[in-house]
């Protein structure tokens, strides 16, 4: 499998997990890495980049519908060297693109169904990962929402993102380490539960 990267390079992933980044113009190999051991050969790839890392989303499903929840793996490689920074499984999720890389987050959101007696219950599963570590910063199950992802900057540097119809406010500590006065506490019971990243 292969996928273009940021309009400049090509990423190739072989069935055995060998992962190669190639310069699109010269064809020269920039680096070679490997997906974690025991990773099933992916059937679909998506790549996202920021200044420091290249994130490979290796999905097991063959669907071309990018809003369909899928199982797979996300791996963060050093963008310059190909060293693997972290990896973790993704279960029944959809990666939400188009959000600012400055948020420091990888954001996932999927509309799902689970049995509830005779009537299936619809709900949204949302999860935020720290780009540096891959650890979960926030996750919750909320009312089923529309498949929409947008963002805007509010007052005092607060970033509001909308993930499948639910709003989240992100704010950060000040340079001196003190919390921003606009930082709210997380209330997971509210659909618009704010999130703070420190």
C-alpha atoms as a PDB file:
ATOM      1  CA  UNK A   1       0.000   0.000   0.000  1.00  0.00           C
ATOM      2  CA  UNK A   2       1.086   3.582  -0.519  1.00  0.00           C
ATOM      3  CA  UNK A   3      -0.296   7.030   0.246  1.00  0.00           C
ATOM      4  CA  UNK A   4       0.836  10.597  -0.575  1.00  0.00           C
ATOM      5  CA  UNK A   5       2.239  12.640   2.310  1.00  0.00           C
ATOM      6  CA  UNK A   6       1.588  16.370   2.417  1.00  0.00           C
ATOM      7  CA  UNK A   7       1.895  16.709  -1.366  1.00  0.00           C
ATOM      8  CA  UNK A   8       5.660  16.186  -1.158  1.00  0.00           C
ATOM      9  CA  UNK A   9       6.476  12.547  -0.374  1.00  0.00           C
ATOM     10  CA  UNK A  10       5.078   9.028  -0.681  1.00  0.00           C
ATOM     11  CA  UNK A  11       4.721   6.514   2.144  1.00  0.00           C
ATOM     12  CA  UNK A  12       4.859   2.800   1.338  1.00  0.00           C
ATOM     13  CA  UNK A  13       3.813   0.065   3.781  1.00  0.00           C
ATOM     14  CA  UNK A  14       4.579  -3.543   2.824  1.00  0.00           C
ATOM     15  CA  UNK A  15       2.585  -6.569   4.097  1.00  0.00           C
ATOM     16  CA  UNK A  16       5.367  -7.425   6.562  1.00  0.00           C
ATOM     17  CA  UNK A  17       5.170  -3.953   8.103  1.00  0.00           C
ATOM     18  CA  UNK A  18       8.202  -2.354   6.430  1.00  0.00           C
ATOM     19  CA  UNK A  19       7.420   1.364   6.125  1.00  0.00           C
ATOM     20  CA  UNK A  20       9.351   3.605   3.723  1.00  0.00           C
ATOM     21  CA  UNK A  21       9.111   7.348   3.110  1.00  0.00           C
ATOM     22  CA  UNK A  22      10.181   8.319  -0.424  1.00  0.00           C
ATOM     23  CA  UNK A  23      10.811  11.745  -1.961  1.00  0.00           C
ATOM     24  CA  UNK A  24       8.097  12.296  -4.564  1.00  0.00           C
ATOM     25  CA  UNK A  25      10.389  14.221  -6.938  1.00  0.00           C
ATOM     26  CA  UNK A  26      13.657  12.285  -6.838  1.00  0.00           C
ATOM     27  CA  UNK A  27      12.405   8.847  -5.785  1.00  0.00           C
ATOM     28  CA  UNK A  28      15.110   8.712  -3.129  1.00  0.00           C
ATOM     29  CA  UNK A  29      14.405   6.921   0.142  1.00  0.00           C
ATOM     30  CA  UNK A  30      14.183   9.346   3.051  1.00  0.00           C
ATOM     31  CA  UNK A  31      13.874   6.735   5.804  1.00  0.00           C
ATOM     32  CA  UNK A  32      12.755   3.196   6.508  1.00  0.00           C
ATOM     33  CA  UNK A  33      10.945   1.980   9.611  1.00  0.00           C
ATOM     34  CA  UNK A  34       8.681  -0.883  10.636  1.00  0.00           C
ATOM     35  CA  UNK A  35       5.190  -1.130  12.071  1.00  0.00           C
ATOM     36  CA  UNK A  36       5.020  -2.818  15.492  1.00  0.00           C
ATOM     37  CA  UNK A  37       5.301  -6.598  15.567  1.00  0.00           C
ATOM     38  CA  UNK A  38       2.040  -8.574  15.315  1.00  0.00           C
ATOM     39  CA  UNK A  39       0.386  -5.816  13.269  1.00  0.00           C
ATOM     40  CA  UNK A  40      -1.940  -7.403  10.666  1.00  0.00           C
ATOM     41  CA  UNK A  41      -1.285  -6.151   7.120  1.00  0.00           C
ATOM     42  CA  UNK A  42      -3.348  -2.960   6.779  1.00  0.00           C
ATOM     43  CA  UNK A  43      -5.969  -2.699   4.057  1.00  0.00           C
ATOM     44  CA  UNK A  44      -6.184   1.084   4.152  1.00  0.00           C
ATOM     45  CA  UNK A  45      -3.739   3.867   5.084  1.00  0.00           C
ATOM     46  CA  UNK A  46      -4.196   7.475   6.076  1.00  0.00           C
ATOM     47  CA  UNK A  47      -1.350   9.810   6.996  1.00  0.00           C
ATOM     48  CA  UNK A  48      -1.320  13.054   8.964  1.00  0.00           C
ATOM     49  CA  UNK A  49       1.744  15.229   9.626  1.00  0.00           C
ATOM     50  CA  UNK A  50       2.791  18.083  11.864  1.00  0.00           C
ATOM     51  CA  UNK A  51       6.148  19.793  12.355  1.00  0.00           C
ATOM     52  CA  UNK A  52       7.701  16.923  14.326  1.00  0.00           C
ATOM     53  CA  UNK A  53       5.837  13.714  13.558  1.00  0.00           C
ATOM     54  CA  UNK A  54       4.224  11.663  10.834  1.00  0.00           C
ATOM     55  CA  UNK A  55       1.140   9.748  12.002  1.00  0.00           C
ATOM     56  CA  UNK A  56       0.190   6.578  10.140  1.00  0.00           C
ATOM     57  CA  UNK A  57      -3.362   5.303  10.567  1.00  0.00           C
ATOM     58  CA  UNK A  58      -3.334   1.668   9.442  1.00  0.00           C
ATOM     59  CA  UNK A  59      -6.905   0.398   9.208  1.00  0.00           C
ATOM     60  CA  UNK A  60      -8.092  -3.167   8.773  1.00  0.00           C
ATOM     61  CA  UNK A  61     -11.295  -2.349   6.901  1.00  0.00           C
ATOM     62  CA  UNK A  62     -11.532  -2.034   3.123  1.00  0.00           C
ATOM     63  CA  UNK A  63     -14.310   0.559   3.038  1.00  0.00           C
ATOM     64  CA  UNK A  64     -13.691   3.738   1.056  1.00  0.00           C
ATOM     65  CA  UNK A  65     -16.105   5.619   3.323  1.00  0.00           C
ATOM     66  CA  UNK A  66     -13.767   7.704   5.490  1.00  0.00           C
ATOM     67  CA  UNK A  67     -16.543   8.388   8.009  1.00  0.00           C
ATOM     68  CA  UNK A  68     -17.135   4.684   8.699  1.00  0.00           C
ATOM     69  CA  UNK A  69     -15.741   3.553  12.085  1.00  0.00           C
ATOM     70  CA  UNK A  70     -12.831   1.154  11.759  1.00  0.00           C
ATOM     71  CA  UNK A  71     -10.366  -0.839  13.847  1.00  0.00           C
ATOM     72  CA  UNK A  72      -6.665  -0.384  13.329  1.00  0.00           C
ATOM     73  CA  UNK A  73      -3.458   1.126  14.626  1.00  0.00           C
ATOM     74  CA  UNK A  74      -2.014   4.621  14.794  1.00  0.00           C
ATOM     75  CA  UNK A  75       1.774   4.976  14.808  1.00  0.00           C
ATOM     76  CA  UNK A  76       3.720   8.199  15.325  1.00  0.00           C
ATOM     77  CA  UNK A  77       7.087   8.356  13.539  1.00  0.00           C
ATOM     78  CA  UNK A  78       9.708  11.081  13.851  1.00  0.00           C
ATOM     79  CA  UNK A  79       9.177  13.060  10.649  1.00  0.00           C
ATOM     80  CA  UNK A  80      12.907  13.439   9.959  1.00  0.00           C
ATOM     81  CA  UNK A  81      14.423  10.134  11.079  1.00  0.00           C
ATOM     82  CA  UNK A  82      11.583   7.604  10.952  1.00  0.00           C
ATOM     83  CA  UNK A  83      12.129   6.589  14.583  1.00  0.00           C
ATOM     84  CA  UNK A  84       8.884   5.313  16.097  1.00  0.00           C
ATOM     85  CA  UNK A  85       7.740   7.608  18.939  1.00  0.00           C
ATOM     86  CA  UNK A  86       4.665   5.608  19.963  1.00  0.00           C
ATOM     87  CA  UNK A  87       1.893   3.333  18.714  1.00  0.00           C
ATOM     88  CA  UNK A  88      -1.526   2.268  19.951  1.00  0.00           C
ATOM     89  CA  UNK A  89      -4.640   0.468  18.723  1.00  0.00           C
ATOM     90  CA  UNK A  90      -7.756   2.289  17.581  1.00  0.00           C
ATOM     91  CA  UNK A  91     -11.115   0.542  18.020  1.00  0.00           C
ATOM     92  CA  UNK A  92     -14.213   1.527  16.029  1.00  0.00           C
ATOM     93  CA  UNK A  93     -13.084   5.092  15.443  1.00  0.00           C
ATOM     94  CA  UNK A  94     -12.775   7.764  12.752  1.00  0.00           C
ATOM     95  CA  UNK A  95      -9.807  10.153  12.630  1.00  0.00           C
ATOM     96  CA  UNK A  96     -11.041  13.739  12.375  1.00  0.00           C
ATOM     97  CA  UNK A  97      -8.892  15.801  10.019  1.00  0.00           C
ATOM     98  CA  UNK A  98      -8.855  19.526   9.381  1.00  0.00           C
ATOM     99  CA  UNK A  99      -8.219  20.606  12.977  1.00  0.00           C
ATOM    100  CA  UNK A 100      -5.245  22.813  13.955  1.00  0.00           C
ATOM    101  CA  UNK A 101      -2.043  20.882  14.674  1.00  0.00           C
ATOM    102  CA  UNK A 102      -1.322  23.511  17.336  1.00  0.00           C
ATOM    103  CA  UNK A 103      -3.998  21.924  19.507  1.00  0.00           C
ATOM    104  CA  UNK A 104      -1.492  19.204  20.390  1.00  0.00           C
ATOM    105  CA  UNK A 105      -4.188  16.574  19.891  1.00  0.00           C
ATOM    106  CA  UNK A 106      -5.208  13.811  17.531  1.00  0.00           C
ATOM    107  CA  UNK A 107      -8.993  13.780  17.595  1.00  0.00           C
ATOM    108  CA  UNK A 108     -11.285  10.833  16.904  1.00  0.00           C
ATOM    109  CA  UNK A 109     -15.049  10.692  16.818  1.00  0.00           C
ATOM    110  CA  UNK A 110     -17.481   8.060  15.579  1.00  0.00           C
ATOM    111  CA  UNK A 111     -21.227   7.524  15.592  1.00  0.00           C
ATOM    112  CA  UNK A 112     -21.890   3.985  16.810  1.00  0.00           C
ATOM    113  CA  UNK A 113     -24.712   1.641  17.801  1.00  0.00           C
ATOM    114  CA  UNK A 114     -25.054  -0.822  20.647  1.00  0.00           C
ATOM    115  CA  UNK A 115     -27.861  -3.234  21.518  1.00  0.00           C
ATOM    116  CA  UNK A 116     -30.320  -1.881  24.088  1.00  0.00           C
ATOM    117  CA  UNK A 117     -33.100  -4.415  24.448  1.00  0.00           C
ATOM    118  CA  UNK A 118     -34.938  -4.683  21.145  1.00  0.00           C
ATOM    119  CA  UNK A 119     -33.914  -1.218  19.971  1.00  0.00           C
ATOM    120  CA  UNK A 120     -30.283  -0.357  19.108  1.00  0.00           C
ATOM    121  CA  UNK A 121     -28.997   2.755  20.888  1.00  0.00           C
ATOM    122  CA  UNK A 122     -27.117   5.348  18.863  1.00  0.00           C
ATOM    123  CA  UNK A 123     -24.279   7.258  20.496  1.00  0.00           C
ATOM    124  CA  UNK A 124     -21.080   9.154  19.692  1.00  0.00           C
ATOM    125  CA  UNK A 125     -17.710   7.991  20.970  1.00  0.00           C
ATOM    126  CA  UNK A 126     -15.108  10.761  21.162  1.00  0.00           C
ATOM    127  CA  UNK A 127     -11.439  10.418  22.084  1.00  0.00           C
ATOM    128  CA  UNK A 128      -8.548  12.902  22.180  1.00  0.00           C
ATOM    129  CA  UNK A 129      -4.930  11.677  22.087  1.00  0.00           C
ATOM    130  CA  UNK A 130      -1.823  13.630  23.044  1.00  0.00           C
ATOM    131  CA  UNK A 131       0.279  13.955  19.878  1.00  0.00           C
ATOM    132  CA  UNK A 132       3.552  13.627  21.798  1.00  0.00           C
ATOM    133  CA  UNK A 133       2.750  10.483  23.770  1.00  0.00           C
ATOM    134  CA  UNK A 134      -0.311   8.861  22.201  1.00  0.00           C
ATOM    135  CA  UNK A 135      -1.985   8.786  25.608  1.00  0.00           C
ATOM    136  CA  UNK A 136      -5.698   9.475  25.967  1.00  0.00           C
ATOM    137  CA  UNK A 137      -6.330  13.014  27.214  1.00  0.00           C
ATOM    138  CA  UNK A 138     -10.113  12.787  27.103  1.00  0.00           C
ATOM    139  CA  UNK A 139     -12.763  10.259  26.089  1.00  0.00           C
ATOM    140  CA  UNK A 140     -16.503  10.095  26.471  1.00  0.00           C
ATOM    141  CA  UNK A 141     -19.718   8.704  25.034  1.00  0.00           C
ATOM    142  CA  UNK A 142     -22.263  11.361  24.133  1.00  0.00           C
ATOM    143  CA  UNK A 143     -25.562  11.696  22.319  1.00  0.00           C
ATOM    144  CA  UNK A 144     -25.430  10.814  18.639  1.00  0.00           C
ATOM    145  CA  UNK A 145     -24.250  13.821  16.631  1.00  0.00           C
ATOM    146  CA  UNK A 146     -23.907  14.990  13.034  1.00  0.00           C
ATOM    147  CA  UNK A 147     -20.665  14.150  11.216  1.00  0.00           C
ATOM    148  CA  UNK A 148     -19.214  17.651  11.311  1.00  0.00           C
ATOM    149  CA  UNK A 149     -15.751  18.795  12.402  1.00  0.00           C
ATOM    150  CA  UNK A 150     -14.919  22.506  12.616  1.00  0.00           C
ATOM    151  CA  UNK A 151     -12.950  24.900  14.823  1.00  0.00           C
ATOM    152  CA  UNK A 152     -12.560  28.574  15.732  1.00  0.00           C
ATOM    153  CA  UNK A 153     -10.507  30.687  18.133  1.00  0.00           C
ATOM    154  CA  UNK A 154     -12.379  32.370  20.979  1.00  0.00           C
ATOM    155  CA  UNK A 155     -11.311  35.002  23.510  1.00  0.00           C
ATOM    156  CA  UNK A 156      -8.077  34.651  25.508  1.00  0.00           C
ATOM    157  CA  UNK A 157      -6.635  31.991  23.235  1.00  0.00           C
ATOM    158  CA  UNK A 158      -9.380  29.428  23.831  1.00  0.00           C
ATOM    159  CA  UNK A 159      -9.789  27.067  20.890  1.00  0.00           C
ATOM    160  CA  UNK A 160     -13.292  25.717  20.309  1.00  0.00           C
ATOM    161  CA  UNK A 161     -13.534  22.553  18.256  1.00  0.00           C
ATOM    162  CA  UNK A 162     -16.683  20.828  17.093  1.00  0.00           C
ATOM    163  CA  UNK A 163     -16.483  17.062  16.733  1.00  0.00           C
ATOM    164  CA  UNK A 164     -19.534  15.281  15.284  1.00  0.00           C
ATOM    165  CA  UNK A 165     -21.762  18.067  16.526  1.00  0.00           C
ATOM    166  CA  UNK A 166     -20.296  18.443  20.047  1.00  0.00           C
ATOM    167  CA  UNK A 167     -18.330  21.498  21.153  1.00  0.00           C
ATOM    168  CA  UNK A 168     -15.143  21.353  23.247  1.00  0.00           C
ATOM    169  CA  UNK A 169     -13.117  24.305  24.531  1.00  0.00           C
ATOM    170  CA  UNK A 170      -9.349  23.866  24.762  1.00  0.00           C
ATOM    171  CA  UNK A 171      -7.078  26.153  26.763  1.00  0.00           C
ATOM    172  CA  UNK A 172      -3.493  25.937  27.963  1.00  0.00           C
ATOM    173  CA  UNK A 173      -1.355  27.000  30.882  1.00  0.00           C
ATOM    174  CA  UNK A 174       0.268  30.415  30.683  1.00  0.00           C
ATOM    175  CA  UNK A 175       4.044  30.663  30.037  1.00  0.00           C
ATOM    176  CA  UNK A 176       4.667  31.068  33.778  1.00  0.00           C
ATOM    177  CA  UNK A 177       2.888  27.759  34.444  1.00  0.00           C
ATOM    178  CA  UNK A 178      -0.245  29.209  36.020  1.00  0.00           C
ATOM    179  CA  UNK A 179      -3.615  28.078  34.654  1.00  0.00           C
ATOM    180  CA  UNK A 180      -5.482  30.363  32.327  1.00  0.00           C
ATOM    181  CA  UNK A 181      -8.402  32.101  34.044  1.00  0.00           C
ATOM    182  CA  UNK A 182     -10.631  30.749  31.304  1.00  0.00           C
ATOM    183  CA  UNK A 183      -9.773  27.109  31.982  1.00  0.00           C
ATOM    184  CA  UNK A 184     -12.959  25.270  32.971  1.00  0.00           C
ATOM    185  CA  UNK A 185     -13.099  21.959  34.780  1.00  0.00           C
ATOM    186  CA  UNK A 186     -14.111  18.889  32.801  1.00  0.00           C
ATOM    187  CA  UNK A 187     -17.735  17.932  33.249  1.00  0.00           C
ATOM    188  CA  UNK A 188     -18.178  14.640  31.350  1.00  0.00           C
ATOM    189  CA  UNK A 189     -21.938  14.738  31.867  1.00  0.00           C
ATOM    190  CA  UNK A 190     -22.369  17.675  29.506  1.00  0.00           C
ATOM    191  CA  UNK A 191     -22.292  17.164  25.726  1.00  0.00           C
ATOM    192  CA  UNK A 192     -20.192  20.329  25.399  1.00  0.00           C
ATOM    193  CA  UNK A 193     -17.745  19.173  28.055  1.00  0.00           C
ATOM    194  CA  UNK A 194     -14.676  21.435  27.924  1.00  0.00           C
ATOM    195  CA  UNK A 195     -11.193  19.950  27.838  1.00  0.00           C
ATOM    196  CA  UNK A 196      -7.960  21.480  29.017  1.00  0.00           C
ATOM    197  CA  UNK A 197      -4.540  20.393  27.814  1.00  0.00           C
ATOM    198  CA  UNK A 198      -1.641  21.229  30.107  1.00  0.00           C
END
